[in-house]
């Protein structure tokens, strides 16, 4: 029989109140609190906290406050930057390529709930992974919804709600986010 964590990572309905998952979220919240309370001159301490949160990551720059659910489900490429007040609900994998730029208050969600009210009343949740390519810039106050893939070198305009995949090399914006034009290098 699968554990609730395995169901979660497999994209199946799971119980988020499971003791193992609750303990992992509590650990993550404590690490986020330590990071958010740290000072800019505590670079070594901040790097240690981020390493505890994500595993060995290099060249990541995060402006606090920053929040996530587990940390361990986030994979960051090289030279990734998150501005203030970003939230990553990493119930399932969030993969971000190299040279990613995320404006203030960007939210990335993998967590979702059943459409059925009966199942929602049972407290069950599910998730879909998010993949963001290399050299992507996501403007401030944007939301990346569960299951979305954003291709390399694309730009997401500020305030966008990304509900569907965005291909490489485009500028896309709006609610819902739509392709505006191709980016020519």
N, C-alpha and C. Protein backbone atom coordinates (compact mmCIF):
# COMPACT_ATOMS: atom_id res chain seq x y z
N UNK A 1 0.84 -1.18 0.00
CA UNK A 1 0.00 0.00 0.00
C UNK A 1 0.89 1.25 0.00
N UNK A 2 0.51 2.25 -0.78
CA UNK A 2 1.29 3.49 -0.88
C UNK A 2 1.12 4.36 0.36
N UNK A 3 2.20 5.03 0.70
CA UNK A 3 2.11 6.03 1.77
C UNK A 3 1.41 7.27 1.21
N UNK A 4 0.96 8.13 2.09
CA UNK A 4 0.33 9.38 1.66
C UNK A 4 1.34 10.23 0.88
N UNK A 5 2.60 10.19 1.30
CA UNK A 5 3.63 10.95 0.59
C UNK A 5 3.80 10.42 -0.84
N UNK A 6 3.82 9.11 -1.00
CA UNK A 6 3.97 8.55 -2.35
C UNK A 6 2.76 8.88 -3.21
N UNK A 7 1.56 8.83 -2.64
CA UNK A 7 0.36 9.24 -3.39
C UNK A 7 0.49 10.69 -3.83
N UNK A 8 0.96 11.55 -2.91
CA UNK A 8 1.13 12.97 -3.22
C UNK A 8 2.08 13.15 -4.39
N UNK A 9 3.24 12.51 -4.32
CA UNK A 9 4.26 12.67 -5.36
C UNK A 9 3.85 12.00 -6.67
N UNK A 10 2.91 11.06 -6.62
CA UNK A 10 2.42 10.40 -7.83
C UNK A 10 1.21 11.11 -8.44
N UNK A 11 0.78 12.22 -7.84
CA UNK A 11 -0.34 12.98 -8.39
C UNK A 11 -1.70 12.38 -8.09
N UNK A 12 -1.76 11.55 -7.06
CA UNK A 12 -3.03 10.92 -6.66
C UNK A 12 -3.63 11.67 -5.48
N UNK A 13 -4.91 11.44 -5.22
CA UNK A 13 -5.53 12.00 -4.02
C UNK A 13 -4.78 11.49 -2.79
N UNK A 14 -4.52 12.40 -1.86
CA UNK A 14 -3.79 12.04 -0.65
C UNK A 14 -4.31 12.85 0.52
N UNK A 15 -3.97 12.41 1.71
CA UNK A 15 -4.37 13.09 2.93
C UNK A 15 -3.24 14.03 3.36
N UNK A 16 -3.41 15.35 3.24
CA UNK A 16 -2.33 16.28 3.61
C UNK A 16 -2.08 16.34 5.12
N UNK A 17 -2.98 15.77 5.92
CA UNK A 17 -2.83 15.80 7.37
C UNK A 17 -2.04 14.60 7.91
N UNK A 18 -1.54 13.78 7.01
CA UNK A 18 -0.69 12.66 7.37
C UNK A 18 0.46 13.14 8.25
N UNK A 19 0.81 12.35 9.27
CA UNK A 19 1.84 12.75 10.24
C UNK A 19 3.19 13.03 9.58
N UNK A 20 3.60 12.20 8.63
CA UNK A 20 4.89 12.39 7.96
C UNK A 20 4.88 13.70 7.17
N UNK A 21 3.83 13.93 6.39
CA UNK A 21 3.74 15.16 5.59
C UNK A 21 3.66 16.39 6.49
N UNK A 22 2.90 16.30 7.55
CA UNK A 22 2.79 17.43 8.49
C UNK A 22 4.15 17.76 9.10
N UNK A 23 4.91 16.75 9.48
CA UNK A 23 6.24 16.97 10.05
C UNK A 23 7.19 17.60 9.04
N UNK A 24 7.13 17.16 7.79
CA UNK A 24 7.98 17.74 6.75
C UNK A 24 7.62 19.20 6.48
N UNK A 25 6.32 19.52 6.46
CA UNK A 25 5.91 20.91 6.27
C UNK A 25 6.34 21.78 7.44
N UNK A 26 6.24 21.25 8.65
CA UNK A 26 6.65 22.00 9.84
C UNK A 26 8.15 22.31 9.78
N UNK A 27 8.97 21.32 9.38
CA UNK A 27 10.40 21.53 9.23
C UNK A 27 10.66 22.63 8.20
N UNK A 28 9.95 22.59 7.09
CA UNK A 28 10.13 23.58 6.03
C UNK A 28 9.73 24.98 6.52
N UNK A 29 8.64 25.07 7.24
CA UNK A 29 8.20 26.37 7.75
C UNK A 29 9.23 26.96 8.71
N UNK A 30 9.86 26.10 9.51
CA UNK A 30 10.89 26.58 10.43
C UNK A 30 12.10 27.09 9.65
N UNK A 31 12.50 26.37 8.62
CA UNK A 31 13.63 26.84 7.79
C UNK A 31 13.28 28.15 7.09
N UNK A 32 12.07 28.27 6.56
CA UNK A 32 11.64 29.52 5.93
C UNK A 32 11.65 30.66 6.95
N UNK A 33 11.18 30.39 8.17
CA UNK A 33 11.19 31.41 9.21
C UNK A 33 12.61 31.87 9.51
N UNK A 34 13.53 30.90 9.66
CA UNK A 34 14.93 31.26 9.92
C UNK A 34 15.51 32.09 8.78
N UNK A 35 15.22 31.68 7.54
CA UNK A 35 15.71 32.42 6.38
C UNK A 35 15.11 33.83 6.36
N UNK A 36 13.81 33.93 6.55
CA UNK A 36 13.14 35.22 6.47
C UNK A 36 13.55 36.17 7.59
N UNK A 37 13.94 35.62 8.74
CA UNK A 37 14.39 36.44 9.87
C UNK A 37 15.87 36.79 9.79
N UNK A 38 16.60 36.19 8.85
CA UNK A 38 18.04 36.44 8.76
C UNK A 38 18.29 37.82 8.16
N UNK A 39 19.49 38.32 8.42
CA UNK A 39 19.90 39.63 7.89
C UNK A 39 20.74 39.45 6.63
N UNK A 40 20.78 40.46 5.83
CA UNK A 40 21.53 40.42 4.58
C UNK A 40 23.01 40.15 4.79
N UNK A 41 23.56 40.58 5.93
CA UNK A 41 24.99 40.36 6.19
C UNK A 41 25.28 38.95 6.71
N UNK A 42 24.28 38.08 6.78
CA UNK A 42 24.45 36.70 7.24
C UNK A 42 24.44 35.74 6.04
N UNK A 43 25.24 36.04 5.04
CA UNK A 43 25.23 35.27 3.79
C UNK A 43 25.53 33.79 4.00
N UNK A 44 26.50 33.47 4.84
CA UNK A 44 26.85 32.06 5.07
C UNK A 44 25.68 31.32 5.72
N UNK A 45 25.05 31.95 6.69
CA UNK A 45 23.89 31.34 7.35
C UNK A 45 22.73 31.15 6.36
N UNK A 46 22.50 32.15 5.53
CA UNK A 46 21.43 32.03 4.53
C UNK A 46 21.70 30.88 3.56
N UNK A 47 22.94 30.74 3.14
CA UNK A 47 23.28 29.64 2.21
C UNK A 47 23.06 28.28 2.88
N UNK A 48 23.40 28.18 4.17
CA UNK A 48 23.19 26.93 4.90
C UNK A 48 21.70 26.61 4.99
N UNK A 49 20.89 27.61 5.29
CA UNK A 49 19.45 27.40 5.40
C UNK A 49 18.88 26.96 4.05
N UNK A 50 19.29 27.63 2.97
CA UNK A 50 18.79 27.26 1.64
C UNK A 50 19.24 25.85 1.26
N UNK A 51 20.44 25.47 1.64
CA UNK A 51 20.92 24.11 1.38
C UNK A 51 20.09 23.09 2.16
N UNK A 52 19.74 23.42 3.41
CA UNK A 52 18.86 22.54 4.20
C UNK A 52 17.47 22.45 3.57
N UNK A 53 17.03 23.54 3.00
CA UNK A 53 15.69 23.61 2.41
C UNK A 53 15.60 22.86 1.09
N UNK A 54 16.53 23.14 0.17
CA UNK A 54 16.45 22.61 -1.19
C UNK A 54 17.41 21.46 -1.48
N UNK A 55 18.35 21.20 -0.59
CA UNK A 55 19.46 20.32 -0.92
C UNK A 55 20.56 21.19 -1.51
N UNK A 56 21.56 20.59 -2.05
CA UNK A 56 22.69 21.36 -2.59
C UNK A 56 22.26 22.15 -3.82
N UNK A 57 22.16 23.45 -3.66
CA UNK A 57 21.82 24.36 -4.76
C UNK A 57 22.90 25.43 -4.80
N UNK A 58 23.28 25.82 -5.99
CA UNK A 58 24.29 26.86 -6.12
C UNK A 58 23.72 28.03 -6.88
N UNK A 59 24.24 29.18 -6.59
CA UNK A 59 23.90 30.40 -7.33
C UNK A 59 22.43 30.75 -7.29
N UNK A 60 21.77 30.51 -6.17
CA UNK A 60 20.39 30.95 -6.02
C UNK A 60 20.40 32.21 -5.15
N UNK A 61 19.61 33.20 -5.56
CA UNK A 61 19.49 34.45 -4.80
C UNK A 61 18.01 34.64 -4.50
N UNK A 62 17.68 34.68 -3.22
CA UNK A 62 16.30 34.84 -2.80
C UNK A 62 16.21 36.03 -1.85
N UNK A 63 15.31 36.96 -2.17
CA UNK A 63 15.04 38.08 -1.29
C UNK A 63 13.91 37.68 -0.34
N UNK A 64 14.15 37.69 0.97
CA UNK A 64 13.08 37.34 1.89
C UNK A 64 12.01 38.44 1.91
N UNK A 65 10.77 38.11 2.22
CA UNK A 65 10.33 36.80 2.65
C UNK A 65 10.10 35.84 1.48
N UNK A 66 10.29 34.57 1.78
CA UNK A 66 10.11 33.48 0.81
C UNK A 66 9.40 32.36 1.55
N UNK A 67 8.47 31.69 0.85
CA UNK A 67 7.70 30.62 1.48
C UNK A 67 7.57 29.43 0.53
N UNK A 68 7.62 28.23 1.09
CA UNK A 68 7.34 27.01 0.33
C UNK A 68 6.79 25.96 1.29
N UNK A 69 6.26 24.87 0.73
CA UNK A 69 5.65 23.82 1.56
C UNK A 69 6.65 22.79 2.06
N UNK A 70 7.54 22.33 1.19
CA UNK A 70 8.47 21.24 1.54
C UNK A 70 9.92 21.61 1.23
N UNK A 71 10.17 22.35 0.18
CA UNK A 71 11.53 22.68 -0.23
C UNK A 71 12.19 21.55 -0.98
N UNK A 72 12.04 20.35 -0.50
CA UNK A 72 12.69 19.18 -1.10
C UNK A 72 12.14 18.83 -2.47
N UNK A 73 11.00 19.39 -2.83
CA UNK A 73 10.40 19.12 -4.14
C UNK A 73 10.72 20.21 -5.16
N UNK A 74 11.65 21.10 -4.81
CA UNK A 74 12.05 22.20 -5.69
C UNK A 74 13.46 21.93 -6.20
N UNK A 75 13.62 21.95 -7.52
CA UNK A 75 14.93 21.81 -8.15
C UNK A 75 15.23 23.10 -8.90
N UNK A 76 16.33 23.73 -8.54
CA UNK A 76 16.72 25.00 -9.13
C UNK A 76 17.99 24.85 -9.95
N UNK A 77 17.99 25.45 -11.14
CA UNK A 77 19.20 25.51 -11.94
C UNK A 77 20.16 26.55 -11.37
N UNK A 78 21.18 26.85 -12.14
CA UNK A 78 22.17 27.85 -11.73
C UNK A 78 21.64 29.26 -11.95
N UNK A 79 22.06 30.19 -11.09
CA UNK A 79 21.79 31.60 -11.28
C UNK A 79 20.30 31.91 -11.32
N UNK A 80 19.56 31.43 -10.32
CA UNK A 80 18.13 31.68 -10.21
C UNK A 80 17.91 32.78 -9.18
N UNK A 81 17.01 33.72 -9.50
CA UNK A 81 16.72 34.86 -8.62
C UNK A 81 15.22 34.94 -8.33
N UNK A 82 14.88 35.00 -7.03
CA UNK A 82 13.51 35.24 -6.58
C UNK A 82 13.48 36.57 -5.84
N UNK A 83 12.62 37.48 -6.26
CA UNK A 83 12.45 38.74 -5.57
C UNK A 83 11.58 38.53 -4.33
N UNK A 84 11.27 39.61 -3.63
CA UNK A 84 10.53 39.54 -2.38
C UNK A 84 9.17 38.84 -2.51
N UNK A 85 8.80 38.12 -1.46
CA UNK A 85 7.44 37.63 -1.26
C UNK A 85 6.99 36.56 -2.24
N UNK A 86 7.90 35.72 -2.68
CA UNK A 86 7.52 34.61 -3.57
C UNK A 86 7.05 33.41 -2.75
N UNK A 87 6.10 32.66 -3.33
CA UNK A 87 5.51 31.49 -2.68
C UNK A 87 5.55 30.33 -3.66
N UNK A 88 6.14 29.20 -3.25
CA UNK A 88 6.18 27.99 -4.07
C UNK A 88 5.50 26.87 -3.30
N UNK A 89 4.32 26.47 -3.74
CA UNK A 89 3.61 25.36 -3.12
C UNK A 89 4.09 24.08 -3.80
N UNK A 90 5.16 23.53 -3.27
CA UNK A 90 5.86 22.39 -3.89
C UNK A 90 5.38 21.06 -3.34
N UNK A 91 4.08 20.83 -3.43
CA UNK A 91 3.53 19.53 -3.06
C UNK A 91 4.07 18.46 -4.01
N UNK A 92 4.26 18.84 -5.26
CA UNK A 92 4.88 17.98 -6.26
C UNK A 92 6.09 18.75 -6.80
N UNK A 93 6.82 18.15 -7.70
CA UNK A 93 8.06 18.73 -8.20
C UNK A 93 7.82 20.08 -8.90
N UNK A 94 8.69 21.02 -8.55
CA UNK A 94 8.83 22.28 -9.27
C UNK A 94 10.26 22.28 -9.78
N UNK A 95 10.42 22.32 -11.10
CA UNK A 95 11.76 22.32 -11.70
C UNK A 95 11.94 23.64 -12.44
N UNK A 96 13.03 24.33 -12.11
CA UNK A 96 13.35 25.62 -12.71
C UNK A 96 14.75 25.54 -13.30
N UNK A 97 14.89 25.91 -14.57
CA UNK A 97 16.17 25.85 -15.25
C UNK A 97 17.11 26.98 -14.84
N UNK A 98 18.23 27.08 -15.53
CA UNK A 98 19.24 28.09 -15.25
C UNK A 98 18.73 29.49 -15.60
N UNK A 99 19.26 30.48 -14.89
CA UNK A 99 19.06 31.90 -15.19
C UNK A 99 17.60 32.33 -15.12
N UNK A 100 16.84 31.74 -14.21
CA UNK A 100 15.45 32.13 -14.03
C UNK A 100 15.34 33.40 -13.19
N UNK A 101 14.44 34.28 -13.59
CA UNK A 101 14.19 35.53 -12.87
C UNK A 101 12.71 35.56 -12.49
N UNK A 102 12.45 35.78 -11.20
CA UNK A 102 11.09 35.80 -10.70
C UNK A 102 10.85 37.11 -9.96
N UNK A 103 9.91 37.91 -10.44
CA UNK A 103 9.60 39.20 -9.84
C UNK A 103 8.96 39.03 -8.47
N UNK A 104 8.69 40.16 -7.80
CA UNK A 104 8.09 40.09 -6.48
C UNK A 104 6.70 39.46 -6.52
N UNK A 105 6.41 38.70 -5.47
CA UNK A 105 5.09 38.10 -5.25
C UNK A 105 4.68 37.11 -6.34
N UNK A 106 5.65 36.47 -6.98
CA UNK A 106 5.32 35.38 -7.91
C UNK A 106 4.94 34.16 -7.07
N UNK A 107 3.86 33.50 -7.49
CA UNK A 107 3.40 32.29 -6.82
C UNK A 107 3.41 31.15 -7.82
N UNK A 108 3.97 30.02 -7.40
CA UNK A 108 4.00 28.80 -8.23
C UNK A 108 3.29 27.71 -7.43
N UNK A 109 2.20 27.18 -8.01
CA UNK A 109 1.39 26.20 -7.31
C UNK A 109 1.45 24.84 -8.00
N UNK A 110 1.74 23.80 -7.23
CA UNK A 110 1.53 22.44 -7.73
C UNK A 110 0.31 21.84 -7.05
N UNK A 111 -0.06 22.35 -5.89
CA UNK A 111 -1.18 21.83 -5.12
C UNK A 111 -2.50 22.25 -5.72
N UNK A 112 -3.45 21.33 -5.67
CA UNK A 112 -4.80 21.63 -6.14
C UNK A 112 -5.79 20.77 -5.34
N UNK A 113 -7.04 20.95 -5.60
CA UNK A 113 -8.10 20.23 -4.89
C UNK A 113 -9.03 19.59 -5.90
N UNK A 114 -9.71 18.54 -5.50
CA UNK A 114 -10.66 17.88 -6.41
C UNK A 114 -11.79 18.85 -6.80
N UNK A 115 -12.32 18.68 -7.99
CA UNK A 115 -13.48 19.46 -8.40
C UNK A 115 -14.73 19.01 -7.66
N UNK A 116 -14.78 17.76 -7.27
CA UNK A 116 -15.92 17.21 -6.56
C UNK A 116 -15.99 17.75 -5.13
N UNK A 117 -17.12 18.37 -4.78
CA UNK A 117 -17.30 18.89 -3.42
C UNK A 117 -17.25 17.76 -2.39
N UNK A 118 -17.76 16.59 -2.74
CA UNK A 118 -17.75 15.45 -1.82
C UNK A 118 -16.30 15.10 -1.45
N UNK A 119 -15.42 15.02 -2.45
CA UNK A 119 -14.01 14.69 -2.18
C UNK A 119 -13.31 15.83 -1.44
N UNK A 120 -13.65 17.08 -1.77
CA UNK A 120 -13.04 18.20 -1.05
C UNK A 120 -13.42 18.16 0.42
N UNK A 121 -14.68 17.80 0.73
CA UNK A 121 -15.12 17.71 2.12
C UNK A 121 -14.36 16.64 2.88
N UNK A 122 -13.84 15.65 2.18
CA UNK A 122 -13.03 14.60 2.82
C UNK A 122 -11.63 15.10 3.17
N UNK A 123 -11.28 16.30 2.69
CA UNK A 123 -9.97 16.87 2.99
C UNK A 123 -8.85 16.37 2.11
N UNK A 124 -9.21 15.70 1.02
CA UNK A 124 -8.18 15.15 0.13
C UNK A 124 -7.67 16.22 -0.83
N UNK A 125 -6.40 16.10 -1.19
CA UNK A 125 -5.76 17.01 -2.14
C UNK A 125 -5.05 16.19 -3.21
N UNK A 126 -4.60 16.88 -4.25
CA UNK A 126 -3.74 16.29 -5.26
C UNK A 126 -2.84 17.37 -5.83
N UNK A 127 -1.97 16.98 -6.75
CA UNK A 127 -1.00 17.94 -7.27
C UNK A 127 -0.56 17.55 -8.67
N UNK A 128 -0.03 18.55 -9.39
CA UNK A 128 0.58 18.34 -10.70
C UNK A 128 1.88 19.14 -10.75
N UNK A 129 2.94 18.59 -11.35
CA UNK A 129 4.24 19.26 -11.35
C UNK A 129 4.25 20.51 -12.22
N UNK A 130 5.20 21.39 -11.94
CA UNK A 130 5.43 22.60 -12.73
C UNK A 130 6.87 22.55 -13.22
N UNK A 131 7.06 22.87 -14.50
CA UNK A 131 8.40 22.91 -15.08
C UNK A 131 8.60 24.25 -15.78
N UNK A 132 9.67 24.93 -15.42
CA UNK A 132 10.00 26.23 -15.99
C UNK A 132 11.40 26.12 -16.58
N UNK A 133 11.53 26.41 -17.86
CA UNK A 133 12.80 26.24 -18.55
C UNK A 133 13.86 27.23 -18.13
N UNK A 134 14.97 27.21 -18.85
CA UNK A 134 16.09 28.13 -18.60
C UNK A 134 15.82 29.49 -19.23
N UNK A 135 16.41 30.52 -18.63
CA UNK A 135 16.34 31.89 -19.13
C UNK A 135 14.92 32.43 -19.19
N UNK A 136 14.07 31.97 -18.28
CA UNK A 136 12.69 32.44 -18.20
C UNK A 136 12.61 33.59 -17.21
N UNK A 137 11.84 34.63 -17.55
CA UNK A 137 11.57 35.75 -16.66
C UNK A 137 10.07 35.78 -16.41
N UNK A 138 9.70 35.70 -15.13
CA UNK A 138 8.29 35.76 -14.73
C UNK A 138 8.08 37.07 -13.99
N UNK A 139 7.24 37.94 -14.53
CA UNK A 139 6.97 39.24 -13.94
C UNK A 139 6.23 39.16 -12.62
N UNK A 140 6.38 40.20 -11.83
CA UNK A 140 5.79 40.25 -10.50
C UNK A 140 4.29 40.00 -10.47
N UNK A 141 3.85 39.43 -9.36
CA UNK A 141 2.44 39.15 -9.10
C UNK A 141 1.83 38.15 -10.07
N UNK A 142 2.65 37.35 -10.71
CA UNK A 142 2.14 36.30 -11.60
C UNK A 142 1.90 35.03 -10.80
N UNK A 143 0.97 34.21 -11.30
CA UNK A 143 0.66 32.92 -10.70
C UNK A 143 0.84 31.84 -11.76
N UNK A 144 1.64 30.83 -11.42
CA UNK A 144 1.84 29.67 -12.29
C UNK A 144 1.02 28.54 -11.67
N UNK A 145 0.03 28.05 -12.40
CA UNK A 145 -0.91 27.04 -11.87
C UNK A 145 -0.36 25.62 -12.01
N UNK A 146 -0.96 24.66 -11.28
CA UNK A 146 -0.50 23.28 -11.31
C UNK A 146 -0.48 22.69 -12.73
N UNK A 147 0.57 21.91 -13.00
CA UNK A 147 0.68 21.19 -14.27
C UNK A 147 1.24 21.98 -15.43
N UNK A 148 1.62 23.24 -15.22
CA UNK A 148 2.08 24.11 -16.30
C UNK A 148 3.56 23.89 -16.60
N UNK A 149 3.89 23.96 -17.90
CA UNK A 149 5.28 23.98 -18.36
C UNK A 149 5.49 25.29 -19.11
N UNK A 150 6.60 25.97 -18.81
CA UNK A 150 6.98 27.20 -19.52
C UNK A 150 8.30 26.92 -20.20
N UNK A 151 8.35 27.14 -21.51
CA UNK A 151 9.53 26.84 -22.30
C UNK A 151 10.67 27.82 -22.10
N UNK A 152 11.87 27.40 -22.51
CA UNK A 152 13.08 28.21 -22.39
C UNK A 152 12.91 29.58 -23.02
N UNK A 153 13.53 30.56 -22.38
CA UNK A 153 13.67 31.92 -22.88
C UNK A 153 12.36 32.70 -22.98
N UNK A 154 11.30 32.18 -22.45
CA UNK A 154 10.03 32.91 -22.50
C UNK A 154 9.93 33.93 -21.38
N UNK A 155 9.06 34.91 -21.58
CA UNK A 155 8.80 35.97 -20.62
C UNK A 155 7.31 35.97 -20.31
N UNK A 156 7.00 35.99 -19.02
CA UNK A 156 5.61 36.05 -18.57
C UNK A 156 5.39 37.45 -17.99
N UNK A 157 4.45 38.19 -18.57
CA UNK A 157 4.18 39.56 -18.13
C UNK A 157 3.65 39.63 -16.71
N UNK A 158 3.93 40.73 -16.04
CA UNK A 158 3.49 40.93 -14.66
C UNK A 158 1.99 40.76 -14.53
N UNK A 159 1.58 40.16 -13.44
CA UNK A 159 0.17 39.99 -13.15
C UNK A 159 -0.52 38.88 -13.91
N UNK A 160 0.23 38.05 -14.61
CA UNK A 160 -0.37 36.98 -15.41
C UNK A 160 -0.79 35.80 -14.55
N UNK A 161 -1.83 35.11 -15.02
CA UNK A 161 -2.28 33.86 -14.42
C UNK A 161 -2.06 32.79 -15.48
N UNK A 162 -1.02 31.96 -15.28
CA UNK A 162 -0.62 30.97 -16.28
C UNK A 162 -1.33 29.66 -15.97
N UNK A 163 -2.33 29.33 -16.79
CA UNK A 163 -3.15 28.14 -16.57
C UNK A 163 -2.83 27.03 -17.56
N UNK A 164 -2.11 27.36 -18.64
CA UNK A 164 -1.77 26.38 -19.68
C UNK A 164 -0.30 26.54 -20.05
N UNK A 165 0.23 25.50 -20.69
CA UNK A 165 1.64 25.52 -21.10
C UNK A 165 1.94 26.71 -22.00
N UNK A 166 3.15 27.23 -21.84
CA UNK A 166 3.67 28.34 -22.67
C UNK A 166 4.92 27.81 -23.37
N UNK A 167 4.98 27.91 -24.70
CA UNK A 167 6.16 27.38 -25.41
C UNK A 167 7.40 28.25 -25.20
N UNK A 168 8.50 27.80 -25.74
CA UNK A 168 9.76 28.55 -25.67
C UNK A 168 9.68 29.80 -26.55
N UNK A 169 10.48 30.79 -26.18
CA UNK A 169 10.73 31.97 -27.01
C UNK A 169 9.49 32.81 -27.31
N UNK A 170 8.63 33.00 -26.29
CA UNK A 170 7.47 33.87 -26.48
C UNK A 170 7.33 34.82 -25.30
N UNK A 171 6.65 35.94 -25.58
CA UNK A 171 6.18 36.83 -24.51
C UNK A 171 4.71 36.53 -24.36
N UNK A 172 4.30 36.20 -23.14
CA UNK A 172 2.91 35.86 -22.86
C UNK A 172 2.46 36.64 -21.63
N UNK A 173 1.19 37.04 -21.61
CA UNK A 173 0.68 37.83 -20.49
C UNK A 173 -0.83 37.71 -20.43
N UNK A 174 -1.37 38.11 -19.29
CA UNK A 174 -2.81 38.24 -19.14
C UNK A 174 -3.42 37.22 -18.20
N UNK A 175 -4.75 37.33 -18.08
CA UNK A 175 -5.54 36.43 -17.25
C UNK A 175 -6.76 35.99 -18.05
N UNK A 176 -6.71 34.76 -18.60
CA UNK A 176 -5.59 33.81 -18.52
C UNK A 176 -4.44 34.24 -19.42
N UNK A 177 -3.24 33.77 -19.08
CA UNK A 177 -2.04 34.12 -19.82
C UNK A 177 -2.11 33.57 -21.25
N UNK A 178 -1.85 34.44 -22.22
CA UNK A 178 -1.85 34.04 -23.63
C UNK A 178 -0.60 34.58 -24.31
N UNK A 179 -0.22 33.91 -25.37
CA UNK A 179 0.95 34.35 -26.14
C UNK A 179 0.63 35.68 -26.80
N UNK A 180 1.51 36.66 -26.62
CA UNK A 180 1.36 37.98 -27.23
C UNK A 180 2.18 38.05 -28.52
N UNK A 181 3.43 37.57 -28.41
CA UNK A 181 4.29 37.58 -29.61
C UNK A 181 5.49 36.66 -29.38
N UNK A 182 6.14 36.32 -30.49
CA UNK A 182 7.38 35.55 -30.45
C UNK A 182 8.52 36.50 -30.11
N UNK A 183 9.50 36.01 -29.37
CA UNK A 183 10.68 36.79 -29.03
C UNK A 183 11.76 36.47 -30.05
N UNK A 184 12.27 37.50 -30.70
CA UNK A 184 13.37 37.35 -31.66
C UNK A 184 14.65 37.81 -30.99
N UNK A 185 15.66 36.95 -30.99
CA UNK A 185 16.96 37.32 -30.40
C UNK A 185 17.74 38.18 -31.35
